[in-house]
């Protein structure tokens, strides 16, 4: 993993922790992935969305389908 990949995963984990803390009804992961893609040039919004979905599934959180 590159440094940028490590930073992206830290940010995804931070987002998951926030979601766990506030327990929102639904999160729009597509919108979040587009936002994160603007900060992490090494991954596409689609790749980031898949990483977010994996992280959300792991924590049994819900998102907008």
C-alpha atoms as a PDB file:
ATOM      1  CA  UNK A   1       0.000   0.000   0.000  1.00  0.00           C
ATOM      2  CA  UNK A   2       1.201   3.457  -0.788  1.00  0.00           C
ATOM      3  CA  UNK A   3       1.180   6.346   1.660  1.00  0.00           C
ATOM      4  CA  UNK A   4      -1.906   7.757  -0.084  1.00  0.00           C
ATOM      5  CA  UNK A   5      -3.663   4.371   0.249  1.00  0.00           C
ATOM      6  CA  UNK A   6      -2.855   4.310   3.965  1.00  0.00           C
ATOM      7  CA  UNK A   7      -4.263   7.817   4.365  1.00  0.00           C
ATOM      8  CA  UNK A   8      -7.408   6.840   2.441  1.00  0.00           C
ATOM      9  CA  UNK A   9      -7.977   3.827   4.694  1.00  0.00           C
ATOM     10  CA  UNK A  10      -7.454   5.998   7.801  1.00  0.00           C
ATOM     11  CA  UNK A  11     -10.066   8.423   6.468  1.00  0.00           C
ATOM     12  CA  UNK A  12     -12.509   5.600   5.695  1.00  0.00           C
ATOM     13  CA  UNK A  13     -12.039   4.244   9.208  1.00  0.00           C
ATOM     14  CA  UNK A  14     -12.608   7.734  10.625  1.00  0.00           C
ATOM     15  CA  UNK A  15     -15.839   7.989   8.657  1.00  0.00           C
ATOM     16  CA  UNK A  16     -16.962   4.579   9.951  1.00  0.00           C
ATOM     17  CA  UNK A  17     -16.214   5.578  13.539  1.00  0.00           C
ATOM     18  CA  UNK A  18     -18.288   8.732  13.101  1.00  0.00           C
ATOM     19  CA  UNK A  19     -21.157   6.690  11.671  1.00  0.00           C
ATOM     20  CA  UNK A  20     -20.980   4.268  14.589  1.00  0.00           C
ATOM     21  CA  UNK A  21     -21.003   7.156  17.058  1.00  0.00           C
ATOM     22  CA  UNK A  22     -23.971   9.001  15.568  1.00  0.00           C
ATOM     23  CA  UNK A  23     -25.878   6.003  14.170  1.00  0.00           C
ATOM     24  CA  UNK A  24     -27.420   7.835  11.222  1.00  0.00           C
ATOM     25  CA  UNK A  25     -30.402   6.172   9.591  1.00  0.00           C
ATOM     26  CA  UNK A  26     -28.725   6.080   6.174  1.00  0.00           C
ATOM     27  CA  UNK A  27     -25.489   7.403   4.709  1.00  0.00           C
ATOM     28  CA  UNK A  28     -25.043   8.177   1.011  1.00  0.00           C
ATOM     29  CA  UNK A  29     -21.788   6.323   0.363  1.00  0.00           C
ATOM     30  CA  UNK A  30     -21.743   7.355  -3.301  1.00  0.00           C
ATOM     31  CA  UNK A  31     -21.764  11.022  -2.283  1.00  0.00           C
ATOM     32  CA  UNK A  32     -19.132  10.399   0.405  1.00  0.00           C
ATOM     33  CA  UNK A  33     -16.926   8.517  -2.075  1.00  0.00           C
ATOM     34  CA  UNK A  34     -17.101  11.419  -4.538  1.00  0.00           C
ATOM     35  CA  UNK A  35     -16.078  13.810  -1.772  1.00  0.00           C
ATOM     36  CA  UNK A  36     -13.170  11.597  -0.690  1.00  0.00           C
ATOM     37  CA  UNK A  37     -12.035  11.073  -4.308  1.00  0.00           C
ATOM     38  CA  UNK A  38     -11.366  14.808  -4.466  1.00  0.00           C
ATOM     39  CA  UNK A  39      -8.796  14.412  -1.698  1.00  0.00           C
ATOM     40  CA  UNK A  40      -7.319  11.035  -2.688  1.00  0.00           C
ATOM     41  CA  UNK A  41      -6.170  11.100  -6.309  1.00  0.00           C
ATOM     42  CA  UNK A  42      -4.877   7.508  -6.235  1.00  0.00           C
ATOM     43  CA  UNK A  43      -8.363   5.964  -6.204  1.00  0.00           C
ATOM     44  CA  UNK A  44     -11.524   6.515  -8.193  1.00  0.00           C
ATOM     45  CA  UNK A  45     -14.842   7.365  -6.551  1.00  0.00           C
ATOM     46  CA  UNK A  46     -16.056   3.880  -7.513  1.00  0.00           C
ATOM     47  CA  UNK A  47     -13.087   2.199  -5.820  1.00  0.00           C
ATOM     48  CA  UNK A  48     -13.570   4.316  -2.715  1.00  0.00           C
ATOM     49  CA  UNK A  49     -17.298   3.526  -2.674  1.00  0.00           C
ATOM     50  CA  UNK A  50     -16.503  -0.211  -2.632  1.00  0.00           C
ATOM     51  CA  UNK A  51     -14.050   0.301   0.241  1.00  0.00           C
ATOM     52  CA  UNK A  52     -16.691   2.295   2.133  1.00  0.00           C
ATOM     53  CA  UNK A  53     -19.293  -0.440   1.566  1.00  0.00           C
ATOM     54  CA  UNK A  54     -16.877  -3.056   2.909  1.00  0.00           C
ATOM     55  CA  UNK A  55     -16.238  -0.931   5.998  1.00  0.00           C
ATOM     56  CA  UNK A  56     -19.961  -0.252   6.523  1.00  0.00           C
ATOM     57  CA  UNK A  57     -20.818  -3.972   6.139  1.00  0.00           C
ATOM     58  CA  UNK A  58     -18.151  -4.889   8.652  1.00  0.00           C
ATOM     59  CA  UNK A  59     -19.816  -2.593  11.226  1.00  0.00           C
ATOM     60  CA  UNK A  60     -23.364  -3.543  10.144  1.00  0.00           C
ATOM     61  CA  UNK A  61     -24.219   0.032   9.224  1.00  0.00           C
ATOM     62  CA  UNK A  62     -26.794   1.017   6.617  1.00  0.00           C
ATOM     63  CA  UNK A  63     -26.344   3.202   3.545  1.00  0.00           C
ATOM     64  CA  UNK A  64     -28.410   4.609   0.706  1.00  0.00           C
ATOM     65  CA  UNK A  65     -28.664   1.991  -2.032  1.00  0.00           C
END
